[in-house]
Protein backbone atom coordinates (compact mmCIF):
# COMPACT_ATOMS: atom_id res chain seq x y z
CA UNK A 1 -3.13 -8.07 26.34
CA UNK A 2 -2.87 -5.98 23.31
CA UNK A 3 -0.06 -5.35 21.11
CA UNK A 4 1.05 -2.15 23.25
CA UNK A 5 1.83 -4.38 26.21
CA UNK A 6 4.53 -6.31 23.96
CA UNK A 7 5.61 -3.28 22.08
CA UNK A 8 6.17 0.00 24.38
CA UNK A 9 5.16 3.01 21.91
CA UNK A 10 8.84 4.40 22.75
CA UNK A 11 10.01 1.53 20.88
CA UNK A 12 8.08 1.36 17.85
CA UNK A 13 8.31 3.22 15.11
CA UNK A 14 4.83 3.02 13.19
CA UNK A 15 4.71 4.43 9.40
CA UNK A 16 1.57 5.17 7.01
CA UNK A 17 2.24 5.22 3.26
CA UNK A 18 -0.82 6.90 1.30
CA UNK A 19 -1.37 9.61 -1.15
CA UNK A 20 -3.55 12.36 -2.34
CA UNK A 21 -3.77 14.21 -6.22
CA UNK A 22 -5.27 17.17 -6.62
CA UNK A 23 -5.80 18.76 -9.78
CA UNK A 24 -5.08 22.68 -10.81
CA UNK A 25 -5.98 24.94 -13.60
CA UNK A 26 -3.26 27.58 -11.74
CA UNK A 27 -0.12 25.64 -11.17
CA UNK A 28 1.91 28.44 -9.74
CA UNK A 29 -0.76 29.51 -7.23
CA UNK A 30 -1.52 26.23 -6.08
CA UNK A 31 2.55 25.73 -5.18
CA UNK A 32 2.31 28.99 -3.34
CA UNK A 33 -0.69 27.86 -1.46
CA UNK A 34 0.35 24.39 -0.71
CA UNK A 35 4.16 25.18 -0.34
CA UNK A 36 3.41 26.67 3.51
CA UNK A 37 0.84 23.98 3.95
CA UNK A 38 2.49 20.99 3.15
CA UNK A 39 5.49 22.70 4.93
CA UNK A 40 3.67 22.75 8.03
CA UNK A 41 2.61 19.14 8.33
CA UNK A 42 6.35 18.29 7.50
CA UNK A 43 6.22 17.62 3.66
CA UNK A 44 8.69 18.97 1.34
CA UNK A 45 8.64 19.12 -2.59
CA UNK A 46 10.63 16.22 -4.02
CA UNK A 47 9.76 16.49 -7.41
CA UNK A 48 8.77 19.12 -9.63
CA UNK A 49 7.56 18.64 -13.20
CA UNK A 50 6.14 20.81 -15.99
CA UNK A 51 2.65 19.03 -15.01
CA UNK A 52 3.35 17.97 -11.39
CA UNK A 53 4.63 18.71 -7.88
CA UNK A 54 5.16 15.92 -5.65
CA UNK A 55 5.91 16.52 -1.74
CA UNK A 56 6.66 13.96 0.68
CA UNK A 57 8.70 13.16 3.83
CA UNK A 58 11.21 10.25 4.86
CA UNK A 59 10.31 8.68 8.28
CA UNK A 60 13.93 8.34 10.37
CA UNK A 61 14.56 4.76 11.09
């Protein structure tokens, strides 16, 4: 018997915290590239600074 026998998938909410830092020499170009890519993965811009853009999502639950 394993975890899933005791906790059916429809009753369990799993979440993962991870991050990735990427550098760029052209912030505007990087934003134009990553906005649609990350949007397709469900991540939106949540912080925008002069030298940093952070994206993420919030899991319901």
